[in-house]
Each structure stands twice: as C-alpha cells, then as structure tokens.
C-alpha cells in the first residue's frame, strides 16, 4: 500500500511564527530599554512573547505530525465498526478520516470526494496518487 504524507499544516504560518519569534527575542536582548526623551520603554520582557511564538509554531508542527492522527482515531473510535461498512467522505482532502476508517474494514468500502487544490496544502502527497 502506498504511504501517505499529510505534510505540515500551514507551513507559511509556522515559518512566520519562528521568524517573528526569533526577531522579537533578538530585538528584546539587543535593545532591552528604549529611551525617547524622558520616556523609557522596557522591552526586555518581550522575550517571553518571542518564546511564546516559537512554542506555538512547535505545537503546530507536533499537531500536524501526531495530534491530528490521535484526534482522527478518537473520532473513529466513537463508531462501533463491524468491518463491512460503506463510508463516504465528502471534502476528504488527502483522506485522513477516510483512510483511518478504511483501515478498520475487512470487507467494507471507503470513497472520498474532494476538489483537490495543492495550494491549500504543503508538499502533501500520496505516492500512489496519479
């Protein structure tokens, strides 16, 4: 069976989180206090904002690689499968739910329908796909 690569969700968002997070940290370290006349603005505390942005990016990657599979399995575990079901997945994308359901079949059938646009996804590819 061909292996499905679901890729990373929203890779551009994650890249921006990392870039902005690092920039915020570097600026906060390089310029911990900005003086404008008699006004002092302390931005050293923004290091935590930068760290938070990086952590959110890491969590998004972890969800893309592991979390969505656990969530899929929790959803599919709500069904009492007999193995001979017929499943229709409309708007299937690359078939995360459909493939998960099909793995529970012995004689069942799964059909997925979607208008696939590669721009919506990131290097997601099903090696067996034509």
C-alpha atoms as a PDB file:
ATOM      1  CA  UNK A   1       0.000   0.000   0.000  1.00  0.00           C
ATOM      2  CA  UNK A   2       1.290   3.470  -0.862  1.00  0.00           C
ATOM      3  CA  UNK A   3       2.365   5.620   2.058  1.00  0.00           C
ATOM      4  CA  UNK A   4       0.507   8.899   2.512  1.00  0.00           C
ATOM      5  CA  UNK A   5       2.404  12.012   3.554  1.00  0.00           C
ATOM      6  CA  UNK A   6      -0.016  14.526   5.038  1.00  0.00           C
ATOM      7  CA  UNK A   7       2.723  17.158   5.354  1.00  0.00           C
ATOM      8  CA  UNK A   8       2.714  20.119   7.709  1.00  0.00           C
ATOM      9  CA  UNK A   9      -0.434  22.208   8.023  1.00  0.00           C
ATOM     10  CA  UNK A  10       0.017  25.950   7.363  1.00  0.00           C
ATOM     11  CA  UNK A  11       3.797  25.848   6.832  1.00  0.00           C
ATOM     12  CA  UNK A  12       3.986  29.544   5.977  1.00  0.00           C
ATOM     13  CA  UNK A  13       2.250  30.467   9.221  1.00  0.00           C
ATOM     14  CA  UNK A  14       4.680  28.300  11.180  1.00  0.00           C
ATOM     15  CA  UNK A  15       7.680  29.825   9.395  1.00  0.00           C
ATOM     16  CA  UNK A  16       6.419  33.323  10.211  1.00  0.00           C
ATOM     17  CA  UNK A  17       5.897  32.397  13.865  1.00  0.00           C
ATOM     18  CA  UNK A  18       9.502  31.211  14.089  1.00  0.00           C
ATOM     19  CA  UNK A  19      10.934  34.215  12.235  1.00  0.00           C
ATOM     20  CA  UNK A  20       8.955  36.793  14.205  1.00  0.00           C
ATOM     21  CA  UNK A  21       9.632  34.948  17.461  1.00  0.00           C
ATOM     22  CA  UNK A  22      13.384  34.956  16.875  1.00  0.00           C
ATOM     23  CA  UNK A  23      13.346  38.621  15.796  1.00  0.00           C
ATOM     24  CA  UNK A  24      11.387  39.650  18.892  1.00  0.00           C
ATOM     25  CA  UNK A  25      13.853  37.792  21.114  1.00  0.00           C
ATOM     26  CA  UNK A  26      16.899  39.295  19.396  1.00  0.00           C
ATOM     27  CA  UNK A  27      15.498  42.832  19.471  1.00  0.00           C
ATOM     28  CA  UNK A  28      14.494  42.442  23.119  1.00  0.00           C
ATOM     29  CA  UNK A  29      18.005  41.329  24.021  1.00  0.00           C
ATOM     30  CA  UNK A  30      19.789  43.894  21.854  1.00  0.00           C
ATOM     31  CA  UNK A  31      17.624  46.822  22.980  1.00  0.00           C
ATOM     32  CA  UNK A  32      16.241  45.959  26.435  1.00  0.00           C
ATOM     33  CA  UNK A  33      15.328  49.601  27.120  1.00  0.00           C
ATOM     34  CA  UNK A  34      14.447  52.247  24.563  1.00  0.00           C
ATOM     35  CA  UNK A  35      14.629  55.881  25.682  1.00  0.00           C
ATOM     36  CA  UNK A  36      12.568  58.511  23.922  1.00  0.00           C
ATOM     37  CA  UNK A  37      13.291  61.779  25.680  1.00  0.00           C
ATOM     38  CA  UNK A  38      12.465  61.189  29.322  1.00  0.00           C
ATOM     39  CA  UNK A  39      10.271  58.205  28.467  1.00  0.00           C
ATOM     40  CA  UNK A  40      11.814  54.763  28.992  1.00  0.00           C
ATOM     41  CA  UNK A  41      10.197  51.776  27.334  1.00  0.00           C
ATOM     42  CA  UNK A  42      11.315  48.425  28.724  1.00  0.00           C
ATOM     43  CA  UNK A  43      11.025  45.794  26.015  1.00  0.00           C
ATOM     44  CA  UNK A  44      13.204  43.132  27.630  1.00  0.00           C
ATOM     45  CA  UNK A  45      10.005  41.402  28.763  1.00  0.00           C
ATOM     46  CA  UNK A  46       9.077  40.809  25.135  1.00  0.00           C
ATOM     47  CA  UNK A  47      11.490  37.871  25.151  1.00  0.00           C
ATOM     48  CA  UNK A  48       8.566  35.851  26.503  1.00  0.00           C
ATOM     49  CA  UNK A  49       6.435  36.913  23.546  1.00  0.00           C
ATOM     50  CA  UNK A  50       9.111  35.636  21.176  1.00  0.00           C
ATOM     51  CA  UNK A  51       9.411  32.371  23.073  1.00  0.00           C
ATOM     52  CA  UNK A  52       5.616  32.003  23.019  1.00  0.00           C
ATOM     53  CA  UNK A  53       5.501  32.439  19.242  1.00  0.00           C
ATOM     54  CA  UNK A  54       8.168  29.770  18.774  1.00  0.00           C
ATOM     55  CA  UNK A  55       6.354  27.381  21.136  1.00  0.00           C
ATOM     56  CA  UNK A  56       3.100  27.856  19.194  1.00  0.00           C
ATOM     57  CA  UNK A  57       4.977  27.003  15.970  1.00  0.00           C
ATOM     58  CA  UNK A  58       6.386  23.854  17.554  1.00  0.00           C
ATOM     59  CA  UNK A  59       2.929  22.849  18.805  1.00  0.00           C
ATOM     60  CA  UNK A  60       1.513  23.339  15.295  1.00  0.00           C
ATOM     61  CA  UNK A  61       4.184  21.012  13.875  1.00  0.00           C
ATOM     62  CA  UNK A  62       3.505  18.403  16.560  1.00  0.00           C
ATOM     63  CA  UNK A  63      -0.225  18.544  15.829  1.00  0.00           C
ATOM     64  CA  UNK A  64       0.417  18.155  12.092  1.00  0.00           C
ATOM     65  CA  UNK A  65       2.653  15.139  12.589  1.00  0.00           C
ATOM     66  CA  UNK A  66       0.977  13.392  15.535  1.00  0.00           C
ATOM     67  CA  UNK A  67      -2.031  15.182  17.018  1.00  0.00           C
ATOM     68  CA  UNK A  68      -4.365  15.010  14.056  1.00  0.00           C
ATOM     69  CA  UNK A  69      -3.923  11.234  13.881  1.00  0.00           C
ATOM     70  CA  UNK A  70      -4.821  10.878  17.554  1.00  0.00           C
ATOM     71  CA  UNK A  71      -7.841  13.154  17.042  1.00  0.00           C
ATOM     72  CA  UNK A  72      -8.899  11.151  13.973  1.00  0.00           C
ATOM     73  CA  UNK A  73      -8.683   7.918  15.945  1.00  0.00           C
ATOM     74  CA  UNK A  74     -10.737   9.399  18.801  1.00  0.00           C
ATOM     75  CA  UNK A  75     -13.456  10.369  16.316  1.00  0.00           C
ATOM     76  CA  UNK A  76     -13.423   6.991  14.584  1.00  0.00           C
ATOM     77  CA  UNK A  77     -13.444   5.143  17.928  1.00  0.00           C
ATOM     78  CA  UNK A  78     -16.930   6.572  18.522  1.00  0.00           C
ATOM     79  CA  UNK A  79     -18.265   4.181  15.848  1.00  0.00           C
ATOM     80  CA  UNK A  80     -18.881   0.509  16.555  1.00  0.00           C
ATOM     81  CA  UNK A  81     -17.183  -0.890  13.440  1.00  0.00           C
ATOM     82  CA  UNK A  82     -18.189  -4.280  12.036  1.00  0.00           C
ATOM     83  CA  UNK A  83     -15.686  -4.201   9.174  1.00  0.00           C
ATOM     84  CA  UNK A  84     -18.165  -4.207   6.293  1.00  0.00           C
ATOM     85  CA  UNK A  85     -19.245  -0.546   6.374  1.00  0.00           C
ATOM     86  CA  UNK A  86     -19.515   1.751   3.389  1.00  0.00           C
ATOM     87  CA  UNK A  87     -18.055   5.203   4.111  1.00  0.00           C
ATOM     88  CA  UNK A  88     -18.402   8.343   2.003  1.00  0.00           C
ATOM     89  CA  UNK A  89     -16.027  11.180   2.919  1.00  0.00           C
ATOM     90  CA  UNK A  90     -17.037  14.416   1.206  1.00  0.00           C
ATOM     91  CA  UNK A  91     -14.359  17.108   1.220  1.00  0.00           C
ATOM     92  CA  UNK A  92     -11.790  14.472   2.043  1.00  0.00           C
ATOM     93  CA  UNK A  93      -8.602  16.339   1.156  1.00  0.00           C
ATOM     94  CA  UNK A  94      -5.993  13.592   1.200  1.00  0.00           C
ATOM     95  CA  UNK A  95      -8.333  11.337   3.122  1.00  0.00           C
ATOM     96  CA  UNK A  96      -7.159  11.421   6.732  1.00  0.00           C
ATOM     97  CA  UNK A  97     -10.561  10.259   8.041  1.00  0.00           C
ATOM     98  CA  UNK A  98     -11.348   8.065   5.048  1.00  0.00           C
ATOM     99  CA  UNK A  99      -8.049   6.178   5.262  1.00  0.00           C
ATOM    100  CA  UNK A 100      -8.442   5.823   9.024  1.00  0.00           C
ATOM    101  CA  UNK A 101     -11.916   4.346   8.527  1.00  0.00           C
ATOM    102  CA  UNK A 102     -10.747   2.045   5.721  1.00  0.00           C
ATOM    103  CA  UNK A 103      -8.051   0.605   7.983  1.00  0.00           C
ATOM    104  CA  UNK A 104     -10.860  -0.697  10.192  1.00  0.00           C
ATOM    105  CA  UNK A 105     -12.544  -2.633   7.365  1.00  0.00           C
ATOM    106  CA  UNK A 106     -12.322  -6.257   6.451  1.00  0.00           C
ATOM    107  CA  UNK A 107     -14.725  -6.138   3.511  1.00  0.00           C
ATOM    108  CA  UNK A 108     -16.013  -2.560   3.662  1.00  0.00           C
ATOM    109  CA  UNK A 109     -15.540   0.218   1.155  1.00  0.00           C
ATOM    110  CA  UNK A 110     -14.448   3.853   1.550  1.00  0.00           C
ATOM    111  CA  UNK A 111     -14.958   6.572  -1.048  1.00  0.00           C
ATOM    112  CA  UNK A 112     -13.539  10.078  -0.786  1.00  0.00           C
ATOM    113  CA  UNK A 113     -14.649  13.060  -2.867  1.00  0.00           C
ATOM    114  CA  UNK A 114     -12.841  16.383  -2.998  1.00  0.00           C
ATOM    115  CA  UNK A 115     -11.843  19.230  -5.248  1.00  0.00           C
ATOM    116  CA  UNK A 116      -8.133  18.990  -4.523  1.00  0.00           C
ATOM    117  CA  UNK A 117      -6.014  22.120  -4.742  1.00  0.00           C
ATOM    118  CA  UNK A 118      -2.324  21.611  -3.915  1.00  0.00           C
ATOM    119  CA  UNK A 119      -2.015  25.293  -2.943  1.00  0.00           C
ATOM    120  CA  UNK A 120      -4.125  24.525   0.136  1.00  0.00           C
ATOM    121  CA  UNK A 121      -1.591  22.029   1.431  1.00  0.00           C
ATOM    122  CA  UNK A 122       2.175  21.791   1.912  1.00  0.00           C
ATOM    123  CA  UNK A 123       4.024  19.144  -0.048  1.00  0.00           C
ATOM    124  CA  UNK A 124       1.287  16.744   0.913  1.00  0.00           C
ATOM    125  CA  UNK A 125       1.414  13.852  -1.447  1.00  0.00           C
ATOM    126  CA  UNK A 126       0.101  10.396  -1.728  1.00  0.00           C
ATOM    127  CA  UNK A 127       2.829   8.463  -3.514  1.00  0.00           C
ATOM    128  CA  UNK A 128       0.259   6.148  -5.047  1.00  0.00           C
ATOM    129  CA  UNK A 129      -1.755   9.051  -6.440  1.00  0.00           C
ATOM    130  CA  UNK A 130      -1.963   9.698 -10.171  1.00  0.00           C
END
